[in-house]
Amino acid sequence: MSATATLPPVSDESRSTPSVVSPRVRTAEASRARLLGQPVRLGILRALLATETLSFVELKHLMNTTDGNLSMHARKLEDAQVIACTKGFQGRFPRTEYRLTPGGREIAQQYLQQIEE
């Protein structure tokens, strides 16, 4: 004996209508999600939202990651102009500091609000 399952008919009310979002908006949202959605990059954004600037060493300890990994993720955010990097010296030691750009602060806040919803 073969039993076939039948599904109840779908009412018009339960059908979801396709959203009318332009491909350009979807592409921008997808590229933003790829840029900011990485755990290390998201951690950098959250840390920099909490304070004005952080050094490379401070971020490295906060993110619990390697120099190369942090450097690569920070470079991606810097290339997208989300964060700014300042290199200098503190005494005789090199010091790299990161801060959010004004546009980067807005993008980070919007993205974090979006993923919390």
Protein backbone atom coordinates (compact mmCIF):
# COMPACT_ATOMS: atom_id res chain seq x y z
CA MET A 1 0.00 0.00 0.00
CA SER A 2 1.30 3.37 -0.96
CA ALA A 3 0.10 6.40 0.94
CA THR A 4 0.57 9.80 -0.58
CA ALA A 5 0.43 12.86 1.56
CA THR A 6 -1.62 15.73 0.32
CA LEU A 7 -0.89 19.26 1.37
CA PRO A 8 -3.66 21.65 2.23
CA PRO A 9 -4.27 24.37 -0.32
CA VAL A 10 -2.40 27.61 0.25
CA SER A 11 -4.70 30.56 0.76
CA ASP A 12 -4.02 33.88 -0.89
CA GLU A 13 -3.51 35.47 2.53
CA SER A 14 -0.63 33.17 3.46
CA ARG A 15 1.28 33.70 0.23
CA SER A 16 4.05 36.15 0.59
CA THR A 17 4.27 38.80 -2.02
CA PRO A 18 7.69 39.35 -3.47
CA SER A 19 9.31 42.44 -2.09
CA VAL A 20 9.95 45.20 -4.54
CA VAL A 21 13.59 45.96 -3.87
CA SER A 22 15.84 47.06 -6.64
CA PRO A 23 18.77 44.80 -7.51
CA ARG A 24 21.15 47.66 -6.74
CA VAL A 25 19.84 47.91 -3.14
CA ARG A 26 20.09 44.14 -2.69
CA THR A 27 23.64 44.18 -4.04
CA ALA A 28 24.64 47.02 -1.70
CA GLU A 29 23.11 45.22 1.28
CA ALA A 30 24.82 41.96 0.32
CA SER A 31 28.21 43.62 -0.08
CA ARG A 32 27.77 45.42 3.26
CA ALA A 33 26.86 42.13 4.93
CA ARG A 34 29.95 40.46 3.41
CA LEU A 35 32.15 43.33 4.57
CA LEU A 36 30.79 43.77 8.08
CA GLY A 37 29.45 40.29 8.82
CA GLN A 38 32.80 38.64 9.50
CA PRO A 39 33.15 37.99 13.26
CA VAL A 40 36.50 39.78 13.62
CA ARG A 41 35.32 42.81 11.61
CA LEU A 42 32.10 42.96 13.59
CA GLY A 43 34.15 42.82 16.80
CA ILE A 44 36.34 45.68 15.58
CA LEU A 45 33.26 47.78 14.85
CA ARG A 46 31.69 47.08 18.23
CA ALA A 47 34.92 47.88 20.05
CA LEU A 48 35.39 51.15 18.15
CA LEU A 49 31.77 52.16 18.74
CA ALA A 50 32.45 51.85 22.46
CA THR A 51 35.59 54.00 22.44
CA GLU A 52 37.11 56.71 20.26
CA THR A 53 40.36 54.96 19.27
CA LEU A 54 42.06 51.66 19.92
CA SER A 55 45.61 50.59 19.20
CA PHE A 56 46.46 47.53 17.14
CA VAL A 57 47.66 45.75 20.29
CA GLU A 58 44.44 46.59 22.18
CA LEU A 59 42.30 45.32 19.31
CA LYS A 60 44.43 42.20 18.99
CA HIS A 61 43.86 41.35 22.65
CA LEU A 62 40.15 42.18 22.49
CA MET A 63 39.62 40.04 19.39
CA ASN A 64 41.96 37.29 20.60
CA THR A 65 43.43 36.92 17.13
CA THR A 66 46.78 36.91 15.39
CA ASP A 67 48.61 39.93 13.99
CA GLY A 68 48.06 38.84 10.40
CA ASN A 69 44.38 38.08 10.85
CA LEU A 70 43.65 41.41 12.53
CA SER A 71 45.73 43.29 9.99
CA MET A 72 43.85 41.74 7.07
CA HIS A 73 40.41 42.45 8.53
CA ALA A 74 41.35 45.99 9.53
CA ARG A 75 42.70 46.62 6.02
CA LYS A 76 39.38 45.55 4.47
CA LEU A 77 37.51 47.97 6.73
CA GLU A 78 40.05 50.69 5.99
CA ASP A 79 39.78 50.15 2.21
CA ALA A 80 35.99 50.52 2.53
CA GLN A 81 36.57 53.76 4.49
CA VAL A 82 34.73 52.42 7.53
CA ILE A 83 37.76 52.86 9.80
CA ALA A 84 40.82 55.08 9.63
CA CYS A 85 44.33 54.04 10.57
CA THR A 86 46.96 56.35 12.04
CA LYS A 87 50.55 55.16 12.32
CA GLY A 88 53.08 56.85 14.52
CA PHE A 89 55.41 56.31 17.41
CA GLN A 90 54.97 56.26 21.15
CA GLY A 91 58.45 56.90 22.37
CA ARG A 92 60.63 54.61 20.30
CA PHE A 93 57.90 52.07 19.60
CA PRO A 94 55.62 52.07 16.58
CA ARG A 95 51.94 52.57 17.38
CA THR A 96 49.00 51.95 15.06
CA GLU A 97 45.64 53.35 16.08
CA TYR A 98 42.23 52.76 14.58
CA ARG A 99 39.08 54.86 14.77
CA LEU A 100 35.75 54.83 12.99
CA THR A 101 35.26 57.39 10.24
CA PRO A 102 32.10 59.52 10.57
CA GLY A 103 30.50 57.53 7.73
CA GLY A 104 31.83 54.31 9.21
CA ARG A 105 30.22 55.08 12.56
CA GLU A 106 26.86 55.54 10.84
CA ILE A 107 27.26 52.36 8.77
CA ALA A 108 28.27 50.36 11.86
CA GLN A 109 25.33 51.61 13.91
CA GLN A 110 22.88 50.87 11.09
CA TYR A 111 24.32 47.41 10.51
CA LEU A 112 24.28 46.47 14.20
CA GLN A 113 20.72 47.70 14.52
CA GLN A 114 19.75 45.68 11.45
CA ILE A 115 21.22 42.42 12.75
CA GLU A 116 19.66 42.92 16.20
CA GLU A 117 16.17 43.13 14.66
